[in-house]
Amino acid sequence: VFAIMQGNISAVRKEIEGLKDSISKQMYAFEDTTLMEVVAERQPHPKPNPRARKLLKGHFAKVYAMHWSEDKKHVVSASQDGKLIVWNGMTENKVHAIPLRSSWVMTCAYSPSGNLVACG
């Protein structure tokens, strides 16, 4: 019984090796180019030119985090001054200023629905 099982196991191992070789050959057939050839054909990206478009004034300390809402109109910011401010990003106006219990606020985010903000 043990010899029959050993024979079956070795037959299965040979079949597995054959399948691996077949897969490798098919994968090699689809490799029509190399990464270096693709990179050489690409044009270099222009360097970004960041500039301030709008200035949101309201925090009295460092701003640690900002997050845009899903509607792309509002942004929430968390600052070391202990405030969480919700802004209308189009008009630069404050919508809400939320005082926090601690000034150690490192991040903030909108919920996917856009109805809630969180900080931590």
C-alpha atoms as a PDB file:
ATOM      1  CA  VAL A   1       0.000   0.000   0.000  1.00  0.00           C
ATOM      2  CA  PHE A   2       2.828   2.369   0.884  1.00  0.00           C
ATOM      3  CA  ALA A   3       4.616   1.670  -2.401  1.00  0.00           C
ATOM      4  CA  ILE A   4       1.437   2.422  -4.389  1.00  0.00           C
ATOM      5  CA  MET A   5       1.017   5.750  -2.571  1.00  0.00           C
ATOM      6  CA  GLN A   6       4.666   6.648  -3.207  1.00  0.00           C
ATOM      7  CA  GLY A   7       4.192   5.895  -6.904  1.00  0.00           C
ATOM      8  CA  ASN A   8       1.071   8.107  -7.015  1.00  0.00           C
ATOM      9  CA  ILE A   9       2.859  10.920  -5.219  1.00  0.00           C
ATOM     10  CA  SER A  10       5.823  10.834  -7.598  1.00  0.00           C
ATOM     11  CA  ALA A  11       3.446  10.798 -10.613  1.00  0.00           C
ATOM     12  CA  VAL A  12       1.604  13.834  -9.254  1.00  0.00           C
ATOM     13  CA  ARG A  13       4.914  15.645  -8.623  1.00  0.00           C
ATOM     14  CA  LYS A  14       5.985  15.015 -12.220  1.00  0.00           C
ATOM     15  CA  GLU A  15       2.632  16.343 -13.460  1.00  0.00           C
ATOM     16  CA  ILE A  16       3.021  19.447 -11.292  1.00  0.00           C
ATOM     17  CA  GLU A  17       6.503  20.113 -12.685  1.00  0.00           C
ATOM     18  CA  GLY A  18       5.159  19.722 -16.212  1.00  0.00           C
ATOM     19  CA  LEU A  19       2.375  22.216 -15.482  1.00  0.00           C
ATOM     20  CA  LYS A  20       4.878  24.695 -14.010  1.00  0.00           C
ATOM     21  CA  ASP A  21       7.019  24.436 -17.146  1.00  0.00           C
ATOM     22  CA  SER A  22       3.958  24.933 -19.340  1.00  0.00           C
ATOM     23  CA  ILE A  23       2.923  28.042 -17.380  1.00  0.00           C
ATOM     24  CA  SER A  24       6.458  29.460 -17.557  1.00  0.00           C
ATOM     25  CA  LYS A  25       6.556  28.969 -21.329  1.00  0.00           C
ATOM     26  CA  GLN A  26       3.189  30.693 -21.793  1.00  0.00           C
ATOM     27  CA  MET A  27       4.247  33.603 -19.577  1.00  0.00           C
ATOM     28  CA  TYR A  28       7.485  33.992 -21.538  1.00  0.00           C
ATOM     29  CA  ALA A  29       5.504  34.085 -24.796  1.00  0.00           C
ATOM     30  CA  PHE A  30       3.681  37.248 -23.587  1.00  0.00           C
ATOM     31  CA  GLU A  31       6.887  39.077 -22.651  1.00  0.00           C
ATOM     32  CA  ASP A  32       7.258  41.180 -25.770  1.00  0.00           C
ATOM     33  CA  THR A  33       9.273  43.998 -24.179  1.00  0.00           C
ATOM     34  CA  THR A  34      11.370  44.821 -21.147  1.00  0.00           C
ATOM     35  CA  LEU A  35      10.891  47.488 -18.535  1.00  0.00           C
ATOM     36  CA  MET A  36      13.995  49.346 -19.698  1.00  0.00           C
ATOM     37  CA  GLU A  37      12.633  49.550 -23.265  1.00  0.00           C
ATOM     38  CA  VAL A  38       9.334  50.999 -22.029  1.00  0.00           C
ATOM     39  CA  VAL A  39      11.077  53.564 -19.822  1.00  0.00           C
ATOM     40  CA  ALA A  40      13.383  54.645 -22.642  1.00  0.00           C
ATOM     41  CA  GLU A  41      10.383  55.436 -24.883  1.00  0.00           C
ATOM     42  CA  ARG A  42       8.581  57.601 -22.305  1.00  0.00           C
ATOM     43  CA  GLN A  43       8.829  61.355 -22.312  1.00  0.00           C
ATOM     44  CA  PRO A  44       9.966  62.940 -19.028  1.00  0.00           C
ATOM     45  CA  HIS A  45       7.227  64.509 -16.933  1.00  0.00           C
ATOM     46  CA  PRO A  46       7.304  68.277 -16.590  1.00  0.00           C
ATOM     47  CA  LYS A  47       8.341  69.470 -13.157  1.00  0.00           C
ATOM     48  CA  PRO A  48       5.388  70.600 -11.045  1.00  0.00           C
ATOM     49  CA  ASN A  49       5.126  74.286 -10.309  1.00  0.00           C
ATOM     50  CA  PRO A  50       3.294  74.488  -6.977  1.00  0.00           C
ATOM     51  CA  ARG A  51       1.875  77.825  -5.988  1.00  0.00           C
ATOM     52  CA  ALA A  52      -0.598  79.107  -3.440  1.00  0.00           C
ATOM     53  CA  ARG A  53      -4.000  79.574  -5.003  1.00  0.00           C
ATOM     54  CA  LYS A  54      -6.022  80.383  -1.904  1.00  0.00           C
ATOM     55  CA  LEU A  55      -4.967  81.220   1.626  1.00  0.00           C
ATOM     56  CA  LEU A  56      -7.181  79.981   4.439  1.00  0.00           C
ATOM     57  CA  LYS A  57      -6.621  82.162   7.519  1.00  0.00           C
ATOM     58  CA  GLY A  58      -7.889  81.033  10.883  1.00  0.00           C
ATOM     59  CA  HIS A  59      -5.444  78.785  12.712  1.00  0.00           C
ATOM     60  CA  PHE A  60      -2.948  80.237  15.196  1.00  0.00           C
ATOM     61  CA  ALA A  61      -0.491  77.339  15.150  1.00  0.00           C
ATOM     62  CA  LYS A  62       0.864  74.683  12.796  1.00  0.00           C
ATOM     63  CA  VAL A  63      -1.664  72.889  10.633  1.00  0.00           C
ATOM     64  CA  TYR A  64      -0.957  69.166  10.819  1.00  0.00           C
ATOM     65  CA  ALA A  65      -3.567  67.765   8.464  1.00  0.00           C
ATOM     66  CA  MET A  66      -6.192  68.665   5.877  1.00  0.00           C
ATOM     67  CA  HIS A  67      -8.753  66.499   4.113  1.00  0.00           C
ATOM     68  CA  TRP A  68     -11.143  67.297   1.264  1.00  0.00           C
ATOM     69  CA  SER A  69     -14.749  66.114   1.417  1.00  0.00           C
ATOM     70  CA  GLU A  70     -16.272  63.954  -1.287  1.00  0.00           C
ATOM     71  CA  ASP A  71     -18.229  66.937  -2.669  1.00  0.00           C
ATOM     72  CA  LYS A  72     -14.875  68.659  -3.440  1.00  0.00           C
ATOM     73  CA  LYS A  73     -16.170  71.904  -1.919  1.00  0.00           C
ATOM     74  CA  HIS A  74     -15.304  71.581   1.752  1.00  0.00           C
ATOM     75  CA  VAL A  75     -12.029  70.914   3.525  1.00  0.00           C
ATOM     76  CA  VAL A  76     -11.352  70.176   7.187  1.00  0.00           C
ATOM     77  CA  SER A  77      -8.094  71.168   8.868  1.00  0.00           C
ATOM     78  CA  ALA A  78      -6.554  70.103  12.188  1.00  0.00           C
ATOM     79  CA  SER A  79      -4.106  72.368  13.948  1.00  0.00           C
ATOM     80  CA  GLN A  80      -1.832  72.441  16.957  1.00  0.00           C
ATOM     81  CA  ASP A  81      -3.952  75.305  18.311  1.00  0.00           C
ATOM     82  CA  GLY A  82      -6.615  72.772  19.336  1.00  0.00           C
ATOM     83  CA  LYS A  83      -9.151  73.657  16.679  1.00  0.00           C
ATOM     84  CA  LEU A  84     -10.726  71.682  13.901  1.00  0.00           C
ATOM     85  CA  ILE A  85     -11.975  74.024  11.182  1.00  0.00           C
ATOM     86  CA  VAL A  86     -14.314  73.125   8.340  1.00  0.00           C
ATOM     87  CA  TRP A  87     -13.824  75.451   5.384  1.00  0.00           C
ATOM     88  CA  ASN A  88     -15.676  76.153   2.190  1.00  0.00           C
ATOM     89  CA  GLY A  89     -12.765  75.643  -0.159  1.00  0.00           C
ATOM     90  CA  MET A  90     -14.339  77.665  -2.954  1.00  0.00           C
ATOM     91  CA  THR A  91     -15.104  80.841  -0.995  1.00  0.00           C
ATOM     92  CA  GLU A  92     -12.348  80.552   1.674  1.00  0.00           C
ATOM     93  CA  ASN A  93     -14.966  81.001   4.414  1.00  0.00           C
ATOM     94  CA  LYS A  94     -15.078  79.053   7.677  1.00  0.00           C
ATOM     95  CA  VAL A  95     -18.150  76.857   7.945  1.00  0.00           C
ATOM     96  CA  HIS A  96     -17.462  75.472  11.436  1.00  0.00           C
ATOM     97  CA  ALA A  97     -14.742  76.024  14.054  1.00  0.00           C
ATOM     98  CA  ILE A  98     -14.697  73.139  16.507  1.00  0.00           C
ATOM     99  CA  PRO A  99     -12.692  73.622  19.736  1.00  0.00           C
ATOM    100  CA  LEU A 100     -11.071  70.391  20.905  1.00  0.00           C
ATOM    101  CA  ARG A 101     -10.222  69.159  24.393  1.00  0.00           C
ATOM    102  CA  SER A 102      -6.594  68.627  23.468  1.00  0.00           C
ATOM    103  CA  SER A 103      -4.238  70.592  21.269  1.00  0.00           C
ATOM    104  CA  TRP A 104      -2.482  67.352  20.243  1.00  0.00           C
ATOM    105  CA  VAL A 105      -4.410  66.778  17.056  1.00  0.00           C
ATOM    106  CA  MET A 106      -2.332  65.080  14.385  1.00  0.00           C
ATOM    107  CA  THR A 107      -4.888  64.134  11.743  1.00  0.00           C
ATOM    108  CA  CYS A 108      -8.410  64.733  10.507  1.00  0.00           C
ATOM    109  CA  ALA A 109     -10.726  63.259   7.904  1.00  0.00           C
ATOM    110  CA  TYR A 110     -14.190  63.444   6.438  1.00  0.00           C
ATOM    111  CA  SER A 111     -16.492  60.453   6.497  1.00  0.00           C
ATOM    112  CA  PRO A 112     -17.351  59.064   3.037  1.00  0.00           C
ATOM    113  CA  SER A 113     -20.850  60.521   3.391  1.00  0.00           C
ATOM    114  CA  GLY A 114     -19.424  63.979   4.107  1.00  0.00           C
ATOM    115  CA  ASN A 115     -21.674  64.444   7.145  1.00  0.00           C
ATOM    116  CA  LEU A 116     -19.070  63.732   9.823  1.00  0.00           C
ATOM    117  CA  VAL A 117     -15.487  64.707  10.524  1.00  0.00           C
ATOM    118  CA  ALA A 118     -13.043  62.844  12.734  1.00  0.00           C
ATOM    119  CA  CYS A 119      -9.757  63.789  14.319  1.00  0.00           C
ATOM    120  CA  GLY A 120      -7.152  62.143  16.451  1.00  0.00           C
END
